[in-house]
C-alpha atoms as a PDB file:
ATOM      1  CA  ALA A   1      -8.451 -19.543 -11.190  1.00  0.00           C
ATOM      2  CA  LEU A   2     -10.311 -16.951 -13.286  1.00  0.00           C
ATOM      3  CA  LYS A   3     -13.110 -14.825 -11.722  1.00  0.00           C
ATOM      4  CA  PRO A   4     -14.500 -12.662 -14.680  1.00  0.00           C
ATOM      5  CA  SER A   5     -15.590  -9.247 -13.861  1.00  0.00           C
ATOM      6  CA  PRO A   6     -18.613  -8.031 -15.400  1.00  0.00           C
ATOM      7  CA  GLY A   7     -16.931  -6.040 -18.101  1.00  0.00           C
ATOM      8  CA  CYS A   8     -15.855  -9.426 -19.448  1.00  0.00           C
ATOM      9  CA  GLY A   9     -17.104  -9.804 -22.992  1.00  0.00           C
ATOM     10  CA  THR A  10     -18.304  -6.324 -23.351  1.00  0.00           C
ATOM     11  CA  THR A  11     -16.847  -3.383 -25.603  1.00  0.00           C
ATOM     12  CA  PRO A  12     -15.578  -0.495 -23.067  1.00  0.00           C
ATOM     13  CA  LYS A  13     -17.673   2.691 -22.364  1.00  0.00           C
ATOM     14  CA  LEU A  14     -15.831   4.811 -20.283  1.00  0.00           C
ATOM     15  CA  ILE A  15     -11.993   3.783 -20.468  1.00  0.00           C
ATOM     16  CA  THR A  16      -9.805   4.229 -23.557  1.00  0.00           C
ATOM     17  CA  SER A  17      -6.068   4.223 -24.302  1.00  0.00           C
ATOM     18  CA  ALA A  18      -6.231   7.860 -23.649  1.00  0.00           C
ATOM     19  CA  SER A  19      -7.407   7.349 -19.862  1.00  0.00           C
ATOM     20  CA  GLU A  20      -3.481   6.935 -19.383  1.00  0.00           C
ATOM     21  CA  ARG A  21      -2.885  10.379 -19.897  1.00  0.00           C
ATOM     22  CA  THR A  22      -6.505  11.969 -19.113  1.00  0.00           C
ATOM     23  CA  ALA A  23      -7.813  11.240 -15.778  1.00  0.00           C
ATOM     24  CA  LEU A  24     -10.997   9.673 -15.334  1.00  0.00           C
ATOM     25  CA  THR A  25     -13.315  10.956 -12.521  1.00  0.00           C
ATOM     26  CA  ILE A  26     -15.750  10.067 -10.021  1.00  0.00           C
ATOM     27  CA  THR A  27     -17.643  11.464  -7.149  1.00  0.00           C
ATOM     28  CA  SER A  28     -16.947   9.622  -3.748  1.00  0.00           C
ATOM     29  CA  ASN A  29     -17.484  10.938  -0.349  1.00  0.00           C
ATOM     30  CA  ASN A  30     -19.031  14.259  -1.980  1.00  0.00           C
ATOM     31  CA  LYS A  31     -15.600  14.828  -3.486  1.00  0.00           C
ATOM     32  CA  ARG A  32     -14.026  14.644  -7.250  1.00  0.00           C
ATOM     33  CA  ARG A  33     -11.648  11.755  -7.415  1.00  0.00           C
ATOM     34  CA  GLU A  34      -9.101  11.058 -10.200  1.00  0.00           C
ATOM     35  CA  PHE A  35      -7.618   7.949 -11.571  1.00  0.00           C
ATOM     36  CA  PHE A  36      -5.843   7.079 -14.757  1.00  0.00           C
ATOM     37  CA  VAL A  37      -6.042   3.400 -16.222  1.00  0.00           C
ATOM     38  CA  ARG A  38      -3.173   1.746 -18.660  1.00  0.00           C
ATOM     39  CA  LEU A  39      -4.862  -0.809 -20.672  1.00  0.00           C
ATOM     40  CA  PRO A  40      -2.554  -3.732 -21.693  1.00  0.00           C
ATOM     41  CA  PRO A  41      -1.539  -3.757 -25.414  1.00  0.00           C
ATOM     42  CA  ASN A  42      -4.050  -5.168 -27.775  1.00  0.00           C
ATOM     43  CA  TYR A  43      -6.439  -5.098 -25.146  1.00  0.00           C
ATOM     44  CA  ASN A  44      -8.739  -8.196 -25.463  1.00  0.00           C
ATOM     45  CA  ASN A  45     -12.324  -7.802 -23.753  1.00  0.00           C
ATOM     46  CA  THR A  46     -12.905 -11.660 -23.564  1.00  0.00           C
ATOM     47  CA  HIS A  47      -9.097 -11.953 -21.577  1.00  0.00           C
ATOM     48  CA  PRO A  48      -9.311 -11.377 -18.041  1.00  0.00           C
ATOM     49  CA  TYR A  49      -6.316  -9.212 -16.572  1.00  0.00           C
ATOM     50  CA  ARG A  50      -4.707  -8.527 -13.389  1.00  0.00           C
ATOM     51  CA  PHE A  51      -6.044  -5.179 -11.665  1.00  0.00           C
ATOM     52  CA  VAL A  52      -2.909  -3.327 -10.223  1.00  0.00           C
ATOM     53  CA  PHE A  53      -3.027  -0.596  -8.048  1.00  0.00           C
ATOM     54  CA  THR A  54      -0.094   1.915  -8.059  1.00  0.00           C
ATOM     55  CA  LEU A  55      -0.111   4.687  -5.252  1.00  0.00           C
ATOM     56  CA  HIS A  56       1.673   7.800  -5.081  1.00  0.00           C
ATOM     57  CA  ALA A  57       3.474   8.810  -1.917  1.00  0.00           C
ATOM     58  CA  LEU A  58       2.767  11.987  -0.050  1.00  0.00           C
ATOM     59  CA  GLY A  59       3.405  15.038  -2.085  1.00  0.00           C
ATOM     60  CA  GLY A  60       3.299  13.100  -5.379  1.00  0.00           C
ATOM     61  CA  ASN A  61       0.756  12.283  -7.961  1.00  0.00           C
ATOM     62  CA  ALA A  62      -0.700   9.569  -9.991  1.00  0.00           C
ATOM     63  CA  GLY A  63       0.397  11.591 -13.047  1.00  0.00           C
ATOM     64  CA  GLN A  64       4.102  11.057 -11.590  1.00  0.00           C
ATOM     65  CA  VAL A  65       3.679   7.380 -11.214  1.00  0.00           C
ATOM     66  CA  VAL A  66       1.921   7.049 -15.226  1.00  0.00           C
ATOM     67  CA  ALA A  67       4.980   9.065 -16.572  1.00  0.00           C
ATOM     68  CA  GLY A  68       7.847   7.834 -14.074  1.00  0.00           C
ATOM     69  CA  THR A  69       8.822  11.236 -13.015  1.00  0.00           C
ATOM     70  CA  SER A  70       9.953  13.003  -9.865  1.00  0.00           C
ATOM     71  CA  GLY A  71      11.819   9.753  -8.565  1.00  0.00           C
ATOM     72  CA  TYR A  72       9.453   7.177  -9.745  1.00  0.00           C
ATOM     73  CA  VAL A  73       9.874   4.979 -12.590  1.00  0.00           C
ATOM     74  CA  PRO A  74       6.292   4.255 -14.575  1.00  0.00           C
ATOM     75  CA  TYR A  75       3.772   2.065 -12.642  1.00  0.00           C
ATOM     76  CA  TYR A  76       7.000   1.304 -10.358  1.00  0.00           C
ATOM     77  CA  GLY A  77       8.411  -0.441 -13.078  1.00  0.00           C
ATOM     78  CA  LEU A  78       6.060  -3.159 -13.171  1.00  0.00           C
ATOM     79  CA  SER A  79       4.687  -2.145 -16.864  1.00  0.00           C
ATOM     80  CA  SER A  80       7.550  -2.979 -18.353  1.00  0.00           C
ATOM     81  CA  LEU A  81       7.793  -6.384 -16.534  1.00  0.00           C
ATOM     82  CA  ILE A  82       4.761  -7.901 -16.649  1.00  0.00           C
ATOM     83  CA  ASN A  83       4.365  -9.232 -20.208  1.00  0.00           C
ATOM     84  CA  ASP A  84       3.012 -12.679 -19.698  1.00  0.00           C
ATOM     85  CA  THR A  85      -0.035 -14.411 -20.717  1.00  0.00           C
ATOM     86  CA  THR A  86      -2.227 -13.016 -18.240  1.00  0.00           C
ATOM     87  CA  GLY A  87      -1.039  -9.206 -18.801  1.00  0.00           C
ATOM     88  CA  ALA A  88      -2.172  -6.469 -16.224  1.00  0.00           C
ATOM     89  CA  ILE A  89      -4.238  -3.298 -16.201  1.00  0.00           C
ATOM     90  CA  PHE A  90      -2.662  -0.744 -14.022  1.00  0.00           C
ATOM     91  CA  VAL A  91      -4.652   1.761 -12.112  1.00  0.00           C
ATOM     92  CA  ALA A  92      -2.788   4.916 -10.773  1.00  0.00           C
ATOM     93  CA  PRO A  93      -5.674   7.022  -8.708  1.00  0.00           C
ATOM     94  CA  ASN A  94      -4.841  10.492  -6.889  1.00  0.00           C
ATOM     95  CA  GLY A  95      -5.301  11.039  -3.125  1.00  0.00           C
ATOM     96  CA  VAL A  96      -6.399  14.122  -1.262  1.00  0.00           C
ATOM     97  CA  SER A  97      -4.055  16.961  -0.933  1.00  0.00           C
ATOM     98  CA  ASN A  98      -1.366  14.778  -2.541  1.00  0.00           C
ATOM     99  CA  GLY A  99      -1.768  11.769   0.210  1.00  0.00           C
ATOM    100  CA  TRP A 100      -3.744   9.264   1.343  1.00  0.00           C
ATOM    101  CA  GLY A 101      -5.106  10.234   4.931  1.00  0.00           C
ATOM    102  CA  ASN A 102      -8.091   8.085   4.480  1.00  0.00           C
ATOM    103  CA  THR A 103     -10.183  10.225   6.956  1.00  0.00           C
ATOM    104  CA  GLY A 104     -12.976   7.832   7.942  1.00  0.00           C
ATOM    105  CA  GLY A 105     -12.126   5.557   5.484  1.00  0.00           C
ATOM    106  CA  GLU A 106     -12.758   7.928   2.622  1.00  0.00           C
ATOM    107  CA  ASP A 107      -9.735   6.412   0.364  1.00  0.00           C
ATOM    108  CA  VAL A 108     -10.793   3.044   0.908  1.00  0.00           C
ATOM    109  CA  THR A 109     -14.370   4.127  -0.093  1.00  0.00           C
ATOM    110  CA  PHE A 110     -13.104   5.612  -3.261  1.00  0.00           C
ATOM    111  CA  LEU A 111     -10.726   2.975  -4.425  1.00  0.00           C
ATOM    112  CA  ARG A 112     -13.376   0.270  -3.776  1.00  0.00           C
ATOM    113  CA  SER A 113     -15.430   2.392  -6.464  1.00  0.00           C
ATOM    114  CA  VAL A 114     -12.601   2.611  -8.723  1.00  0.00           C
ATOM    115  CA  ILE A 115     -12.377  -1.275  -8.662  1.00  0.00           C
ATOM    116  CA  SER A 116     -16.129  -1.681  -9.339  1.00  0.00           C
ATOM    117  CA  THR A 117     -15.803   1.702 -12.195  1.00  0.00           C
ATOM    118  CA  VAL A 118     -12.820  -0.357 -13.741  1.00  0.00           C
ATOM    119  CA  GLU A 119     -14.070  -3.739 -13.549  1.00  0.00           C
ATOM    120  CA  ALA A 120     -17.457  -2.834 -14.984  1.00  0.00           C
ATOM    121  CA  ASP A 121     -16.199  -1.551 -18.299  1.00  0.00           C
ATOM    122  CA  LEU A 122     -12.916  -3.996 -18.648  1.00  0.00           C
ATOM    123  CA  CYS A 123     -12.286  -7.406 -18.137  1.00  0.00           C
ATOM    124  CA  VAL A 124     -10.593  -8.204 -14.753  1.00  0.00           C
ATOM    125  CA  ASP A 125      -9.857 -11.668 -13.292  1.00  0.00           C
ATOM    126  CA  GLN A 126     -11.177 -10.811  -9.679  1.00  0.00           C
ATOM    127  CA  ASP A 127      -9.033 -13.232  -8.143  1.00  0.00           C
ATOM    128  CA  LEU A 128      -5.786 -11.630  -9.405  1.00  0.00           C
ATOM    129  CA  ARG A 129      -6.338  -7.589  -7.922  1.00  0.00           C
ATOM    130  CA  PHE A 130      -3.135  -6.231  -6.353  1.00  0.00           C
ATOM    131  CA  SER A 131      -1.708  -2.860  -4.832  1.00  0.00           C
ATOM    132  CA  THR A 132       1.681  -1.368  -4.495  1.00  0.00           C
ATOM    133  CA  GLY A 133       2.904   2.166  -3.612  1.00  0.00           C
ATOM    134  CA  PHE A 134       5.747   3.811  -1.794  1.00  0.00           C
ATOM    135  CA  SER A 135       5.665   5.618   1.470  1.00  0.00           C
ATOM    136  CA  TYR A 136       2.057   6.892   1.855  1.00  0.00           C
ATOM    137  CA  GLY A 137       1.211   4.710  -1.362  1.00  0.00           C
ATOM    138  CA  ALA A 138       2.606   1.735   1.132  1.00  0.00           C
ATOM    139  CA  ALA A 139       0.687   3.037   3.806  1.00  0.00           C
ATOM    140  CA  MET A 140      -2.653   3.000   1.716  1.00  0.00           C
ATOM    141  CA  SER A 141      -1.816  -0.533  -0.067  1.00  0.00           C
ATOM    142  CA  TYR A 142      -1.574  -1.776   3.638  1.00  0.00           C
ATOM    143  CA  SER A 143      -4.780   0.071   4.518  1.00  0.00           C
ATOM    144  CA  LEU A 144      -6.762  -1.608   1.558  1.00  0.00           C
ATOM    145  CA  ALA A 145      -5.774  -5.098   2.572  1.00  0.00           C
ATOM    146  CA  CYS A 146      -6.672  -4.426   6.172  1.00  0.00           C
ATOM    147  CA  SER A 147      -9.886  -3.257   4.512  1.00  0.00           C
ATOM    148  CA  LEU A 148     -10.845  -5.437   1.651  1.00  0.00           C
ATOM    149  CA  GLY A 149      -8.333  -8.374   2.680  1.00  0.00           C
ATOM    150  CA  LYS A 150     -10.720 -10.823   0.905  1.00  0.00           C
ATOM    151  CA  GLU A 151     -10.817  -9.152  -2.337  1.00  0.00           C
ATOM    152  CA  LEU A 152      -7.211  -8.630  -2.832  1.00  0.00           C
ATOM    153  CA  ARG A 153      -4.729 -11.026  -4.041  1.00  0.00           C
ATOM    154  CA  ALA A 154      -1.560  -9.583  -2.777  1.00  0.00           C
ATOM    155  CA  ILE A 155       0.349  -6.000  -1.950  1.00  0.00           C
ATOM    156  CA  ALA A 156       3.779  -4.744  -2.062  1.00  0.00           C
ATOM    157  CA  CYS A 157       4.509  -1.835   0.343  1.00  0.00           C
ATOM    158  CA  LEU A 158       7.663  -0.072  -0.456  1.00  0.00           C
ATOM    159  CA  SER A 159       9.045   1.830   2.550  1.00  0.00           C
ATOM    160  CA  GLY A 160       5.559   2.351   4.645  1.00  0.00           C
ATOM    161  CA  ASN A 161       4.240   2.812   7.800  1.00  0.00           C
ATOM    162  CA  PRO A 162       0.993   0.945   9.429  1.00  0.00           C
ATOM    163  CA  ALA A 163      -0.567   4.128  10.950  1.00  0.00           C
ATOM    164  CA  ILE A 164      -0.784   6.562   8.693  1.00  0.00           C
ATOM    165  CA  SER A 165      -3.507   5.469   6.509  1.00  0.00           C
ATOM    166  CA  GLY A 166      -5.151   3.321   9.144  1.00  0.00           C
ATOM    167  CA  CYS A 167      -5.750  -0.392   9.500  1.00  0.00           C
ATOM    168  CA  ALA A 168      -9.691  -0.265   9.850  1.00  0.00           C
ATOM    169  CA  ALA A 169     -10.877  -2.856  12.137  1.00  0.00           C
ATOM    170  CA  GLY A 170      -7.684  -4.733  12.654  1.00  0.00           C
ATOM    171  CA  ASN A 171      -8.848  -7.174   9.883  1.00  0.00           C
ATOM    172  CA  THR A 172      -7.241 -10.592  10.233  1.00  0.00           C
ATOM    173  CA  ASP A 173      -7.892 -11.808   6.780  1.00  0.00           C
ATOM    174  CA  ALA A 174      -4.719 -13.274   5.206  1.00  0.00           C
ATOM    175  CA  VAL A 175      -3.240 -11.302   2.304  1.00  0.00           C
ATOM    176  CA  ALA A 176       0.083 -12.232   0.371  1.00  0.00           C
ATOM    177  CA  TYR A 177       2.268  -9.613   1.546  1.00  0.00           C
ATOM    178  CA  TYR A 178       5.679  -8.220   0.137  1.00  0.00           C
ATOM    179  CA  GLY A 179       7.605  -5.600   1.943  1.00  0.00           C
ATOM    180  CA  GLN A 180      11.054  -3.659   1.632  1.00  0.00           C
ATOM    181  CA  HIS A 181      12.510  -0.948   3.957  1.00  0.00           C
ATOM    182  CA  GLY A 182      15.737   1.051   4.164  1.00  0.00           C
ATOM    183  CA  VAL A 183      17.185   0.715   7.415  1.00  0.00           C
ATOM    184  CA  SER A 184      18.677   3.915   7.411  1.00  0.00           C
ATOM    185  CA  ASP A 185      15.459   5.623   6.632  1.00  0.00           C
ATOM    186  CA  THR A 186      14.898   8.498   8.443  1.00  0.00           C
ATOM    187  CA  VAL A 187      11.462   9.621   7.016  1.00  0.00           C
ATOM    188  CA  LEU A 188       9.419   6.457   7.990  1.00  0.00           C
ATOM    189  CA  PRO A 189      12.031   4.315  10.146  1.00  0.00           C
ATOM    190  CA  ILE A 190      12.380   0.489   9.270  1.00  0.00           C
ATOM    191  CA  SER A 191      10.199   0.261  12.120  1.00  0.00           C
ATOM    192  CA  GLY A 192       7.233   1.011  10.943  1.00  0.00           C
ATOM    193  CA  GLY A 193       8.170  -1.787   8.163  1.00  0.00           C
ATOM    194  CA  ARG A 194       8.510  -4.256  10.696  1.00  0.00           C
ATOM    195  CA  GLN A 195       5.050  -3.670  12.030  1.00  0.00           C
ATOM    196  CA  MET A 196       3.591  -3.977   8.866  1.00  0.00           C
ATOM    197  CA  ARG A 197       5.388  -7.323   8.126  1.00  0.00           C
ATOM    198  CA  ASP A 198       4.565  -8.756  11.668  1.00  0.00           C
ATOM    199  CA  ARG A 199       0.726  -8.059  10.983  1.00  0.00           C
ATOM    200  CA  TRP A 200       0.825 -10.261   7.769  1.00  0.00           C
ATOM    201  CA  VAL A 201       3.368 -12.933   9.383  1.00  0.00           C
ATOM    202  CA  LYS A 202       0.733 -13.020  11.909  1.00  0.00           C
ATOM    203  CA  ASN A 203      -2.753 -13.029   9.720  1.00  0.00           C
ATOM    204  CA  ASN A 204      -1.251 -15.696   7.043  1.00  0.00           C
ATOM    205  CA  GLY A 205      -0.136 -18.052   9.863  1.00  0.00           C
ATOM    206  CA  CYS A 206       3.490 -18.034   8.965  1.00  0.00           C
ATOM    207  CA  ALA A 207       5.957 -19.381  11.995  1.00  0.00           C
ATOM    208  CA  ALA A 208       7.549 -16.495  13.980  1.00  0.00           C
ATOM    209  CA  ALA A 209      11.146 -15.871  12.919  1.00  0.00           C
ATOM    210  CA  THR A 210      13.518 -12.473  13.164  1.00  0.00           C
ATOM    211  CA  ALA A 211      14.211 -11.092   9.607  1.00  0.00           C
ATOM    212  CA  GLN A 212      17.970 -10.437   9.215  1.00  0.00           C
ATOM    213  CA  GLU A 213      18.581  -6.823   8.127  1.00  0.00           C
ATOM    214  CA  PRO A 214      22.042  -5.270   6.505  1.00  0.00           C
ATOM    215  CA  ALA A 215      24.425  -3.101   8.527  1.00  0.00           C
ATOM    216  CA  ALA A 216      24.477   0.708   7.379  1.00  0.00           C
ATOM    217  CA  GLY A 217      26.843   1.204   4.980  1.00  0.00           C
ATOM    218  CA  SER A 218      26.924  -2.353   4.141  1.00  0.00           C
ATOM    219  CA  GLN A 219      25.686  -1.951   0.466  1.00  0.00           C
ATOM    220  CA  ARG A 220      23.570  -5.013   1.246  1.00  0.00           C
ATOM    221  CA  ARG A 221      20.182  -6.264   0.954  1.00  0.00           C
ATOM    222  CA  ILE A 222      18.729  -9.386   2.769  1.00  0.00           C
ATOM    223  CA  LYS A 223      15.708 -11.246   1.621  1.00  0.00           C
ATOM    224  CA  THR A 224      13.816 -13.030   4.307  1.00  0.00           C
ATOM    225  CA  VAL A 225      10.945 -15.889   2.769  1.00  0.00           C
ATOM    226  CA  TYR A 226       8.681 -16.719   5.845  1.00  0.00           C
ATOM    227  CA  SER A 227       8.056 -20.367   6.245  1.00  0.00           C
ATOM    228  CA  GLY A 228       4.858 -22.274   7.428  1.00  0.00           C
ATOM    229  CA  CYS A 229       2.253 -19.754   5.936  1.00  0.00           C
ATOM    230  CA  LYS A 230      -1.265 -20.344   5.020  1.00  0.00           C
ATOM    231  CA  GLU A 231      -1.208 -21.663   1.378  1.00  0.00           C
ATOM    232  CA  ASP A 232      -0.744 -19.134  -1.126  1.00  0.00           C
ATOM    233  CA  LYS A 233      -0.042 -16.220   1.445  1.00  0.00           C
ATOM    234  CA  PRO A 234       3.402 -15.938   1.817  1.00  0.00           C
ATOM    235  CA  VAL A 235       5.248 -13.067   3.230  1.00  0.00           C
ATOM    236  CA  VAL A 236       8.430 -11.500   1.947  1.00  0.00           C
ATOM    237  CA  PHE A 237      10.481  -8.871   3.581  1.00  0.00           C
ATOM    238  CA  VAL A 238      13.573  -7.057   1.860  1.00  0.00           C
ATOM    239  CA  ALA A 239      15.694  -4.785   4.134  1.00  0.00           C
ATOM    240  CA  PHE A 240      18.184  -2.530   1.992  1.00  0.00           C
ATOM    241  CA  ASP A 241      21.184  -0.697   2.897  1.00  0.00           C
ATOM    242  CA  GLY A 242      19.653   2.708   1.857  1.00  0.00           C
ATOM    243  CA  PRO A 243      17.238   5.533   2.930  1.00  0.00           C
ATOM    244  CA  HIS A 244      13.739   6.616   2.081  1.00  0.00           C
ATOM    245  CA  THR A 245      13.304   5.464  -1.779  1.00  0.00           C
ATOM    246  CA  PRO A 246      11.358   3.760  -4.203  1.00  0.00           C
ATOM    247  CA  THR A 247      14.173   2.712  -6.279  1.00  0.00           C
ATOM    248  CA  PRO A 248      16.858   1.687  -4.220  1.00  0.00           C
ATOM    249  CA  LYS A 249      20.195   0.963  -5.794  1.00  0.00           C
ATOM    250  CA  LEU A 250      22.898  -0.862  -4.154  1.00  0.00           C
ATOM    251  CA  THR A 251      26.762  -0.560  -5.425  1.00  0.00           C
ATOM    252  CA  GLY A 252      26.992  -2.717  -8.423  1.00  0.00           C
ATOM    253  CA  ASP A 253      23.152  -2.545  -9.241  1.00  0.00           C
ATOM    254  CA  ALA A 254      23.009  -1.495 -13.009  1.00  0.00           C
ATOM    255  CA  GLU A 255      19.132  -0.645 -12.014  1.00  0.00           C
ATOM    256  CA  THR A 256      17.033  -0.980  -9.073  1.00  0.00           C
ATOM    257  CA  PHE A 257      15.716  -3.961  -7.510  1.00  0.00           C
ATOM    258  CA  SER A 258      12.401  -3.164  -6.443  1.00  0.00           C
ATOM    259  CA  PRO A 259      10.360  -3.933  -9.743  1.00  0.00           C
ATOM    260  CA  GLY A 260      11.871  -7.036 -10.154  1.00  0.00           C
ATOM    261  CA  GLU A 261      11.324  -8.198  -6.720  1.00  0.00           C
ATOM    262  CA  THR A 262       7.810  -6.969  -6.441  1.00  0.00           C
ATOM    263  CA  TRP A 263       7.178  -8.502  -9.803  1.00  0.00           C
ATOM    264  CA  ASP A 264       8.737 -11.954  -8.796  1.00  0.00           C
ATOM    265  CA  PHE A 265       6.128 -12.007  -5.923  1.00  0.00           C
ATOM    266  CA  PHE A 266       3.092 -11.193  -7.622  1.00  0.00           C
ATOM    267  CA  LYS A 267       3.861 -13.231 -10.627  1.00  0.00           C
ATOM    268  CA  GLN A 268       3.510 -16.588  -8.442  1.00  0.00           C
ATOM    269  CA  PHE A 269      -0.437 -16.186  -7.921  1.00  0.00           C
END
């Protein structure tokens, strides 16, 4: 389904190709906040695109996500994979003090304002909003789903924790959920990843099941696709043999599996 944003059919007044390298700013909660926007190749202002948040980890920043430095690949690898007819607009915001503490819900307020700002200027399918991130960025994607569940199509949480950005009001809306976590993660142990996943297993009405996890040192990953979920609200969880990383690679892998798994999940919508 297409739900065109207010920016469809209009000439952008704020966002240009330069917005990928020069941060845009808005004031939210009396703070100056920044975000970058990557336009699709040959942007068409009558074509509704996906909207994809790519949120950085603690100590990182949006510029690193854009450039693919400091352990990231650009836009978590999605910008090189999403080349179908729908395409995507990528938005990389900066957290407060290089994190997403979401004090008093300030980061949810900020990101909601970013959505409104981008969609007033660009053509977005409002039924195709997504968020992904690693670590603190995963926690903030989870928090967004808790607060804006009816406004997000799906989230992908890479090695997060449910407590650090919060879950306002314990929202019970169904949101399509992809999660992945390393069994040897000592920064944010996999127990937090299980808790995040299990919220959406419950919210999405999936059949209860125990996801299998590989042994440490096995160089394996195990993907669990939950059954019985509400229509178009799937839950998928990948447990992998590895530490706290946005780009896990196992023996024999030519590249990280994370972007491909995330895109496989997102592209079904």
